[in-house]
């Protein structure tokens, strides 16, 4: 079975995001970029399935600029087999990405698509669900655990009330949550090997997808600074402030 793993190049989670002076967006100049953390979990899970003999090949896909090749190389160094870069310098929204992925799924015919539940830059949490709808495949979102069976996959999901397990008929789309696994670090020998692994370059036009944005960013603002806390002398004073000042009681 082949597993397809879409990955996204985003601002590294350790970097403090800065807003452009004109408020038109986020400043990406000289900013460290890396693989979206949720996608990294998806790559790790796909590799573990391959190591367990339940998958034969792990294919990575990224939609983005030429620099997204670095993101693919990171996944290849972790243990994926090859990559596909759908090259575009334009900003892509979840629906456009889902349509491109649908085209790639048609070419690659994977048995399972695993991707992060959301990207930490836009926090949309839409691409996996949209892809499943376009393909007409079963979907398991917010995966905490995966168990592959004969033609099925059991997905334990993180929901508001706790954990929920659903059984999906394959092929299926699964989106990963934080507690699914702990991604490995790529070893130096594997980083060197990754340089020789193939990455095919495509474009959105190859899949007949119009990536023109449907949304317009009106303004981007930094969140307001948190006000300093205060100390209270007693529980009674705390209750009084929560009731009369904070208005939460």
C-alpha atoms as a PDB file:
ATOM      1  CA  UNK A   1       0.000   0.000   0.000  1.00  0.00           C
ATOM      2  CA  UNK A   2       1.166   3.495  -0.842  1.00  0.00           C
ATOM      3  CA  UNK A   3       0.720   6.371   1.624  1.00  0.00           C
ATOM      4  CA  UNK A   4       0.517   9.989   0.468  1.00  0.00           C
ATOM      5  CA  UNK A   5       1.531  12.686   2.961  1.00  0.00           C
ATOM      6  CA  UNK A   6       0.973  16.373   2.130  1.00  0.00           C
ATOM      7  CA  UNK A   7       3.362  18.719   3.983  1.00  0.00           C
ATOM      8  CA  UNK A   8       3.415  22.505   4.248  1.00  0.00           C
ATOM      9  CA  UNK A   9       6.275  24.984   4.654  1.00  0.00           C
ATOM     10  CA  UNK A  10       5.444  27.411   7.477  1.00  0.00           C
ATOM     11  CA  UNK A  11       7.195  29.806   9.839  1.00  0.00           C
ATOM     12  CA  UNK A  12       9.045  27.755  12.450  1.00  0.00           C
ATOM     13  CA  UNK A  13       6.974  27.365  15.606  1.00  0.00           C
ATOM     14  CA  UNK A  14       9.817  28.790  17.733  1.00  0.00           C
ATOM     15  CA  UNK A  15       9.858  32.082  15.804  1.00  0.00           C
ATOM     16  CA  UNK A  16       7.886  35.100  17.006  1.00  0.00           C
ATOM     17  CA  UNK A  17       5.656  36.145  14.119  1.00  0.00           C
ATOM     18  CA  UNK A  18       5.925  39.791  13.036  1.00  0.00           C
ATOM     19  CA  UNK A  19       3.251  41.751  11.203  1.00  0.00           C
ATOM     20  CA  UNK A  20       4.260  43.962   8.282  1.00  0.00           C
ATOM     21  CA  UNK A  21       4.260  47.696   8.972  1.00  0.00           C
ATOM     22  CA  UNK A  22       1.423  48.271   6.500  1.00  0.00           C
ATOM     23  CA  UNK A  23      -0.701  45.508   8.048  1.00  0.00           C
ATOM     24  CA  UNK A  24      -0.927  43.641   4.744  1.00  0.00           C
ATOM     25  CA  UNK A  25       0.262  40.350   6.181  1.00  0.00           C
ATOM     26  CA  UNK A  26       3.015  38.547   8.056  1.00  0.00           C
ATOM     27  CA  UNK A  27       6.667  39.444   7.500  1.00  0.00           C
ATOM     28  CA  UNK A  28       8.482  36.441   6.007  1.00  0.00           C
ATOM     29  CA  UNK A  29      11.783  38.185   5.239  1.00  0.00           C
ATOM     30  CA  UNK A  30      14.787  36.437   6.829  1.00  0.00           C
ATOM     31  CA  UNK A  31      12.485  34.240   8.908  1.00  0.00           C
ATOM     32  CA  UNK A  32      13.289  30.599   9.664  1.00  0.00           C
ATOM     33  CA  UNK A  33      10.833  28.268   7.918  1.00  0.00           C
ATOM     34  CA  UNK A  34      10.202  24.598   8.648  1.00  0.00           C
ATOM     35  CA  UNK A  35       7.714  21.774   8.169  1.00  0.00           C
ATOM     36  CA  UNK A  36       4.310  22.302   9.755  1.00  0.00           C
ATOM     37  CA  UNK A  37       4.476  20.366  13.082  1.00  0.00           C
ATOM     38  CA  UNK A  38       1.207  18.495  12.481  1.00  0.00           C
ATOM     39  CA  UNK A  39       2.486  17.395   9.055  1.00  0.00           C
ATOM     40  CA  UNK A  40       5.697  16.201  10.686  1.00  0.00           C
ATOM     41  CA  UNK A  41       3.567  13.912  12.868  1.00  0.00           C
ATOM     42  CA  UNK A  42       1.825  12.653   9.709  1.00  0.00           C
ATOM     43  CA  UNK A  43       5.189  11.862   8.082  1.00  0.00           C
ATOM     44  CA  UNK A  44       6.325   9.984  11.199  1.00  0.00           C
ATOM     45  CA  UNK A  45       3.137   7.909  11.294  1.00  0.00           C
ATOM     46  CA  UNK A  46       3.449   6.987   7.605  1.00  0.00           C
ATOM     47  CA  UNK A  47       7.067   5.940   8.097  1.00  0.00           C
ATOM     48  CA  UNK A  48       6.134   3.815  11.120  1.00  0.00           C
ATOM     49  CA  UNK A  49       3.463   2.057   9.069  1.00  0.00           C
ATOM     50  CA  UNK A  50       6.049   1.340   6.393  1.00  0.00           C
ATOM     51  CA  UNK A  51       8.543   0.045   8.963  1.00  0.00           C
ATOM     52  CA  UNK A  52       5.814  -2.230  10.354  1.00  0.00           C
ATOM     53  CA  UNK A  53       5.353  -3.737   6.883  1.00  0.00           C
ATOM     54  CA  UNK A  54       1.880  -2.246   6.430  1.00  0.00           C
ATOM     55  CA  UNK A  55       2.924   0.169   3.664  1.00  0.00           C
ATOM     56  CA  UNK A  56       5.302  -0.167   0.752  1.00  0.00           C
ATOM     57  CA  UNK A  57       5.979   3.466  -0.136  1.00  0.00           C
ATOM     58  CA  UNK A  58       5.638   6.918   1.447  1.00  0.00           C
ATOM     59  CA  UNK A  59       5.225   9.811  -0.985  1.00  0.00           C
ATOM     60  CA  UNK A  60       5.386  13.433   0.199  1.00  0.00           C
ATOM     61  CA  UNK A  61       3.628  16.343  -1.517  1.00  0.00           C
ATOM     62  CA  UNK A  62       4.085  20.054  -0.979  1.00  0.00           C
ATOM     63  CA  UNK A  63       2.336  22.973  -2.666  1.00  0.00           C
ATOM     64  CA  UNK A  64       4.444  26.117  -2.495  1.00  0.00           C
ATOM     65  CA  UNK A  65       7.544  27.968  -3.697  1.00  0.00           C
ATOM     66  CA  UNK A  66      10.855  26.435  -4.758  1.00  0.00           C
ATOM     67  CA  UNK A  67      12.066  26.676  -1.156  1.00  0.00           C
ATOM     68  CA  UNK A  68       9.427  24.077  -0.189  1.00  0.00           C
ATOM     69  CA  UNK A  69      11.914  21.549  -1.599  1.00  0.00           C
ATOM     70  CA  UNK A  70      13.774  21.936   1.708  1.00  0.00           C
ATOM     71  CA  UNK A  71      10.624  20.877   3.562  1.00  0.00           C
ATOM     72  CA  UNK A  72      10.313  17.812   1.345  1.00  0.00           C
ATOM     73  CA  UNK A  73      13.994  16.959   1.915  1.00  0.00           C
ATOM     74  CA  UNK A  74      13.355  17.050   5.664  1.00  0.00           C
ATOM     75  CA  UNK A  75      10.611  14.441   5.265  1.00  0.00           C
ATOM     76  CA  UNK A  76      12.789  12.370   2.941  1.00  0.00           C
ATOM     77  CA  UNK A  77      15.565  12.430   5.546  1.00  0.00           C
ATOM     78  CA  UNK A  78      13.075  11.112   8.118  1.00  0.00           C
ATOM     79  CA  UNK A  79      12.472   8.103   5.874  1.00  0.00           C
ATOM     80  CA  UNK A  80       9.980   8.946   3.127  1.00  0.00           C
ATOM     81  CA  UNK A  81      10.753   7.546  -0.338  1.00  0.00           C
ATOM     82  CA  UNK A  82      10.149  10.414  -2.768  1.00  0.00           C
ATOM     83  CA  UNK A  83       8.544  13.814  -3.080  1.00  0.00           C
ATOM     84  CA  UNK A  84       6.334  15.876  -5.362  1.00  0.00           C
ATOM     85  CA  UNK A  85       6.587  19.683  -5.389  1.00  0.00           C
ATOM     86  CA  UNK A  86       3.663  21.544  -6.925  1.00  0.00           C
ATOM     87  CA  UNK A  87       5.497  24.784  -7.509  1.00  0.00           C
ATOM     88  CA  UNK A  88       3.731  28.119  -7.091  1.00  0.00           C
ATOM     89  CA  UNK A  89       4.728  31.428  -5.521  1.00  0.00           C
ATOM     90  CA  UNK A  90       1.097  32.429  -5.049  1.00  0.00           C
ATOM     91  CA  UNK A  91      -0.720  32.106  -1.736  1.00  0.00           C
ATOM     92  CA  UNK A  92      -2.845  28.940  -1.872  1.00  0.00           C
ATOM     93  CA  UNK A  93      -6.054  28.456   0.069  1.00  0.00           C
ATOM     94  CA  UNK A  94      -7.256  25.075   1.438  1.00  0.00           C
ATOM     95  CA  UNK A  95      -9.747  24.392  -1.367  1.00  0.00           C
ATOM     96  CA  UNK A  96      -7.138  24.944  -4.087  1.00  0.00           C
ATOM     97  CA  UNK A  97      -4.680  22.678  -2.254  1.00  0.00           C
ATOM     98  CA  UNK A  98      -7.370  20.008  -1.834  1.00  0.00           C
ATOM     99  CA  UNK A  99      -8.135  20.112  -5.570  1.00  0.00           C
ATOM    100  CA  UNK A 100      -4.431  19.736  -6.412  1.00  0.00           C
ATOM    101  CA  UNK A 101      -4.138  16.837  -3.974  1.00  0.00           C
ATOM    102  CA  UNK A 102      -7.153  15.201  -5.589  1.00  0.00           C
ATOM    103  CA  UNK A 103      -5.295  15.274  -8.919  1.00  0.00           C
ATOM    104  CA  UNK A 104      -2.179  13.781  -7.325  1.00  0.00           C
ATOM    105  CA  UNK A 105      -4.240  11.053  -5.642  1.00  0.00           C
ATOM    106  CA  UNK A 106      -5.650  10.192  -9.084  1.00  0.00           C
ATOM    107  CA  UNK A 107      -2.107   9.747 -10.412  1.00  0.00           C
ATOM    108  CA  UNK A 108      -0.540   7.997  -7.427  1.00  0.00           C
ATOM    109  CA  UNK A 109      -3.547   5.899  -6.278  1.00  0.00           C
ATOM    110  CA  UNK A 110      -2.553   5.684  -2.588  1.00  0.00           C
ATOM    111  CA  UNK A 111      -4.468   3.551  -0.124  1.00  0.00           C
ATOM    112  CA  UNK A 112      -4.185   6.173   2.594  1.00  0.00           C
ATOM    113  CA  UNK A 113      -3.642   9.944   2.769  1.00  0.00           C
ATOM    114  CA  UNK A 114      -2.278  11.205   6.094  1.00  0.00           C
ATOM    115  CA  UNK A 115      -1.886  14.929   6.742  1.00  0.00           C
ATOM    116  CA  UNK A 116      -1.765  17.331   9.662  1.00  0.00           C
ATOM    117  CA  UNK A 117      -5.120  18.449  11.040  1.00  0.00           C
ATOM    118  CA  UNK A 118      -4.161  22.095  10.430  1.00  0.00           C
ATOM    119  CA  UNK A 119      -1.272  24.368   9.517  1.00  0.00           C
ATOM    120  CA  UNK A 120       0.065  26.647  12.260  1.00  0.00           C
ATOM    121  CA  UNK A 121       0.156  29.679   9.942  1.00  0.00           C
ATOM    122  CA  UNK A 122      -3.513  29.964   8.926  1.00  0.00           C
ATOM    123  CA  UNK A 123      -5.054  27.429  11.375  1.00  0.00           C
ATOM    124  CA  UNK A 124      -7.757  26.634   8.805  1.00  0.00           C
ATOM    125  CA  UNK A 125      -8.215  22.917   9.597  1.00  0.00           C
ATOM    126  CA  UNK A 126      -9.957  22.418   6.240  1.00  0.00           C
ATOM    127  CA  UNK A 127      -7.702  20.743   3.669  1.00  0.00           C
ATOM    128  CA  UNK A 128      -8.105  17.151   4.881  1.00  0.00           C
ATOM    129  CA  UNK A 129     -11.884  17.385   5.118  1.00  0.00           C
ATOM    130  CA  UNK A 130     -12.161  19.071   1.714  1.00  0.00           C
ATOM    131  CA  UNK A 131      -9.930  16.433   0.113  1.00  0.00           C
ATOM    132  CA  UNK A 132     -12.042  13.603   1.553  1.00  0.00           C
ATOM    133  CA  UNK A 133     -15.206  15.265   0.235  1.00  0.00           C
ATOM    134  CA  UNK A 134     -13.737  15.774  -3.246  1.00  0.00           C
ATOM    135  CA  UNK A 135     -12.564  12.152  -3.393  1.00  0.00           C
ATOM    136  CA  UNK A 136     -15.681  10.697  -1.792  1.00  0.00           C
ATOM    137  CA  UNK A 137     -13.430   8.868   0.695  1.00  0.00           C
ATOM    138  CA  UNK A 138     -13.968   8.119   4.369  1.00  0.00           C
ATOM    139  CA  UNK A 139     -12.216  10.494   6.745  1.00  0.00           C
ATOM    140  CA  UNK A 140     -10.886  10.303  10.297  1.00  0.00           C
ATOM    141  CA  UNK A 141      -9.884  13.662  11.757  1.00  0.00           C
ATOM    142  CA  UNK A 142      -7.841  14.595  14.865  1.00  0.00           C
ATOM    143  CA  UNK A 143      -6.237  11.136  14.987  1.00  0.00           C
ATOM    144  CA  UNK A 144      -4.777  10.079  18.334  1.00  0.00           C
ATOM    145  CA  UNK A 145      -4.087   6.478  17.249  1.00  0.00           C
ATOM    146  CA  UNK A 146      -4.165   4.443  14.011  1.00  0.00           C
ATOM    147  CA  UNK A 147      -4.684   0.691  13.592  1.00  0.00           C
ATOM    148  CA  UNK A 148      -4.587  -0.730  10.070  1.00  0.00           C
ATOM    149  CA  UNK A 149      -6.642  -3.831   9.356  1.00  0.00           C
ATOM    150  CA  UNK A 150      -7.603  -5.731   6.208  1.00  0.00           C
ATOM    151  CA  UNK A 151      -9.092  -3.019   4.037  1.00  0.00           C
ATOM    152  CA  UNK A 152      -9.990  -0.892   7.067  1.00  0.00           C
ATOM    153  CA  UNK A 153      -8.327   1.542   9.435  1.00  0.00           C
ATOM    154  CA  UNK A 154      -9.414   2.192  13.025  1.00  0.00           C
ATOM    155  CA  UNK A 155      -8.897   5.835  13.952  1.00  0.00           C
ATOM    156  CA  UNK A 156      -9.052   6.941  17.583  1.00  0.00           C
ATOM    157  CA  UNK A 157     -10.063  10.603  17.512  1.00  0.00           C
ATOM    158  CA  UNK A 158      -9.645  13.365  20.062  1.00  0.00           C
ATOM    159  CA  UNK A 159     -13.058  14.962  20.583  1.00  0.00           C
ATOM    160  CA  UNK A 160     -14.431  17.385  23.172  1.00  0.00           C
ATOM    161  CA  UNK A 161     -15.833  14.563  25.295  1.00  0.00           C
ATOM    162  CA  UNK A 162     -12.651  12.445  25.272  1.00  0.00           C
ATOM    163  CA  UNK A 163     -11.722   9.792  22.691  1.00  0.00           C
ATOM    164  CA  UNK A 164     -13.827   8.312  19.906  1.00  0.00           C
ATOM    165  CA  UNK A 165     -12.840   5.344  17.727  1.00  0.00           C
ATOM    166  CA  UNK A 166     -14.204   5.048  14.182  1.00  0.00           C
ATOM    167  CA  UNK A 167     -13.559   2.325  11.612  1.00  0.00           C
ATOM    168  CA  UNK A 168     -13.017   3.559   8.062  1.00  0.00           C
ATOM    169  CA  UNK A 169     -13.091   1.608   4.829  1.00  0.00           C
ATOM    170  CA  UNK A 170      -9.961   2.267   2.813  1.00  0.00           C
ATOM    171  CA  UNK A 171      -8.930   4.236   0.856  1.00  0.00           C
ATOM    172  CA  UNK A 172      -9.301   6.963   3.455  1.00  0.00           C
ATOM    173  CA  UNK A 173      -8.067  10.378   4.556  1.00  0.00           C
ATOM    174  CA  UNK A 174      -6.696  10.809   8.087  1.00  0.00           C
ATOM    175  CA  UNK A 175      -5.657  14.057   9.786  1.00  0.00           C
ATOM    176  CA  UNK A 176      -3.232  13.894  12.703  1.00  0.00           C
ATOM    177  CA  UNK A 177      -3.411  15.426  16.161  1.00  0.00           C
ATOM    178  CA  UNK A 178      -0.521  16.207  18.501  1.00  0.00           C
ATOM    179  CA  UNK A 179      -0.565  13.052  20.605  1.00  0.00           C
ATOM    180  CA  UNK A 180      -0.443  10.544  17.736  1.00  0.00           C
ATOM    181  CA  UNK A 181       3.347  10.171  17.978  1.00  0.00           C
ATOM    182  CA  UNK A 182       6.681  11.890  18.606  1.00  0.00           C
ATOM    183  CA  UNK A 183       8.458  12.642  15.291  1.00  0.00           C
ATOM    184  CA  UNK A 184      12.018  11.364  14.965  1.00  0.00           C
ATOM    185  CA  UNK A 185      15.100  13.452  14.278  1.00  0.00           C
ATOM    186  CA  UNK A 186      16.756  12.805  10.939  1.00  0.00           C
ATOM    187  CA  UNK A 187      20.242  11.291  11.276  1.00  0.00           C
ATOM    188  CA  UNK A 188      23.172  12.738   9.336  1.00  0.00           C
ATOM    189  CA  UNK A 189      23.483   9.665   7.043  1.00  0.00           C
ATOM    190  CA  UNK A 190      19.768   9.894   6.228  1.00  0.00           C
ATOM    191  CA  UNK A 191      20.085  13.631   5.521  1.00  0.00           C
ATOM    192  CA  UNK A 192      22.819  12.820   3.012  1.00  0.00           C
ATOM    193  CA  UNK A 193      20.726  10.032   1.455  1.00  0.00           C
ATOM    194  CA  UNK A 194      17.751  12.373   1.160  1.00  0.00           C
ATOM    195  CA  UNK A 195      19.691  14.587  -1.246  1.00  0.00           C
ATOM    196  CA  UNK A 196      19.610  11.758  -3.793  1.00  0.00           C
ATOM    197  CA  UNK A 197      15.935  10.880  -3.415  1.00  0.00           C
ATOM    198  CA  UNK A 198      13.740  12.063  -6.315  1.00  0.00           C
ATOM    199  CA  UNK A 199      11.471  15.106  -6.160  1.00  0.00           C
ATOM    200  CA  UNK A 200       9.166  15.655  -9.139  1.00  0.00           C
ATOM    201  CA  UNK A 201       8.203  19.233  -9.960  1.00  0.00           C
ATOM    202  CA  UNK A 202       4.676  20.018 -11.083  1.00  0.00           C
ATOM    203  CA  UNK A 203       2.485  23.100 -11.343  1.00  0.00           C
ATOM    204  CA  UNK A 204      -1.177  23.766 -10.491  1.00  0.00           C
ATOM    205  CA  UNK A 205      -1.885  23.950 -14.232  1.00  0.00           C
ATOM    206  CA  UNK A 206      -0.847  20.299 -14.569  1.00  0.00           C
ATOM    207  CA  UNK A 207      -3.952  19.460 -12.546  1.00  0.00           C
ATOM    208  CA  UNK A 208      -6.217  22.086 -14.102  1.00  0.00           C
ATOM    209  CA  UNK A 209      -6.619  23.934 -10.788  1.00  0.00           C
ATOM    210  CA  UNK A 210      -7.258  27.669 -10.545  1.00  0.00           C
ATOM    211  CA  UNK A 211      -5.488  28.829  -7.378  1.00  0.00           C
ATOM    212  CA  UNK A 212      -6.835  32.390  -7.491  1.00  0.00           C
ATOM    213  CA  UNK A 213      -7.716  33.403  -3.904  1.00  0.00           C
ATOM    214  CA  UNK A 214     -11.375  33.466  -2.894  1.00  0.00           C
ATOM    215  CA  UNK A 215     -10.660  35.434   0.269  1.00  0.00           C
ATOM    216  CA  UNK A 216      -9.257  38.941   0.716  1.00  0.00           C
ATOM    217  CA  UNK A 217      -7.149  39.845   3.730  1.00  0.00           C
ATOM    218  CA  UNK A 218      -8.447  43.210   4.883  1.00  0.00           C
ATOM    219  CA  UNK A 219      -5.930  43.753   7.686  1.00  0.00           C
ATOM    220  CA  UNK A 220      -3.451  41.897   9.869  1.00  0.00           C
ATOM    221  CA  UNK A 221      -2.874  43.011  13.455  1.00  0.00           C
ATOM    222  CA  UNK A 222      -0.828  41.740  16.368  1.00  0.00           C
ATOM    223  CA  UNK A 223      -2.864  40.652  19.407  1.00  0.00           C
ATOM    224  CA  UNK A 224      -3.050  43.229  22.206  1.00  0.00           C
ATOM    225  CA  UNK A 225      -0.405  42.949  24.908  1.00  0.00           C
ATOM    226  CA  UNK A 226      -1.560  41.163  28.042  1.00  0.00           C
ATOM    227  CA  UNK A 227      -2.087  43.407  31.032  1.00  0.00           C
ATOM    228  CA  UNK A 228      -0.099  42.736  34.194  1.00  0.00           C
ATOM    229  CA  UNK A 229      -1.811  40.687  36.875  1.00  0.00           C
ATOM    230  CA  UNK A 230      -2.486  41.836  40.428  1.00  0.00           C
ATOM    231  CA  UNK A 231      -2.299  40.245  43.863  1.00  0.00           C
ATOM    232  CA  UNK A 232      -5.295  40.131  46.176  1.00  0.00           C
ATOM    233  CA  UNK A 233      -5.256  39.891  49.942  1.00  0.00           C
ATOM    234  CA  UNK A 234      -8.134  37.461  50.378  1.00  0.00           C
ATOM    235  CA  UNK A 235     -10.604  35.157  48.674  1.00  0.00           C
ATOM    236  CA  UNK A 236     -13.350  37.685  49.318  1.00  0.00           C
ATOM    237  CA  UNK A 237     -11.424  40.375  47.449  1.00  0.00           C
ATOM    238  CA  UNK A 238     -10.785  37.921  44.574  1.00  0.00           C
ATOM    239  CA  UNK A 239     -14.497  37.114  44.295  1.00  0.00           C
ATOM    240  CA  UNK A 240     -15.377  40.816  44.428  1.00  0.00           C
ATOM    241  CA  UNK A 241     -12.983  41.654  41.581  1.00  0.00           C
ATOM    242  CA  UNK A 242     -14.127  38.712  39.463  1.00  0.00           C
ATOM    243  CA  UNK A 243     -17.715  39.790  39.948  1.00  0.00           C
ATOM    244  CA  UNK A 244     -17.507  43.558  39.648  1.00  0.00           C
ATOM    245  CA  UNK A 245     -14.382  44.194  37.517  1.00  0.00           C
ATOM    246  CA  UNK A 246     -13.929  41.111  35.340  1.00  0.00           C
ATOM    247  CA  UNK A 247     -17.662  40.382  35.131  1.00  0.00           C
ATOM    248  CA  UNK A 248     -17.153  36.624  34.997  1.00  0.00           C
ATOM    249  CA  UNK A 249     -19.291  35.737  38.040  1.00  0.00           C
END
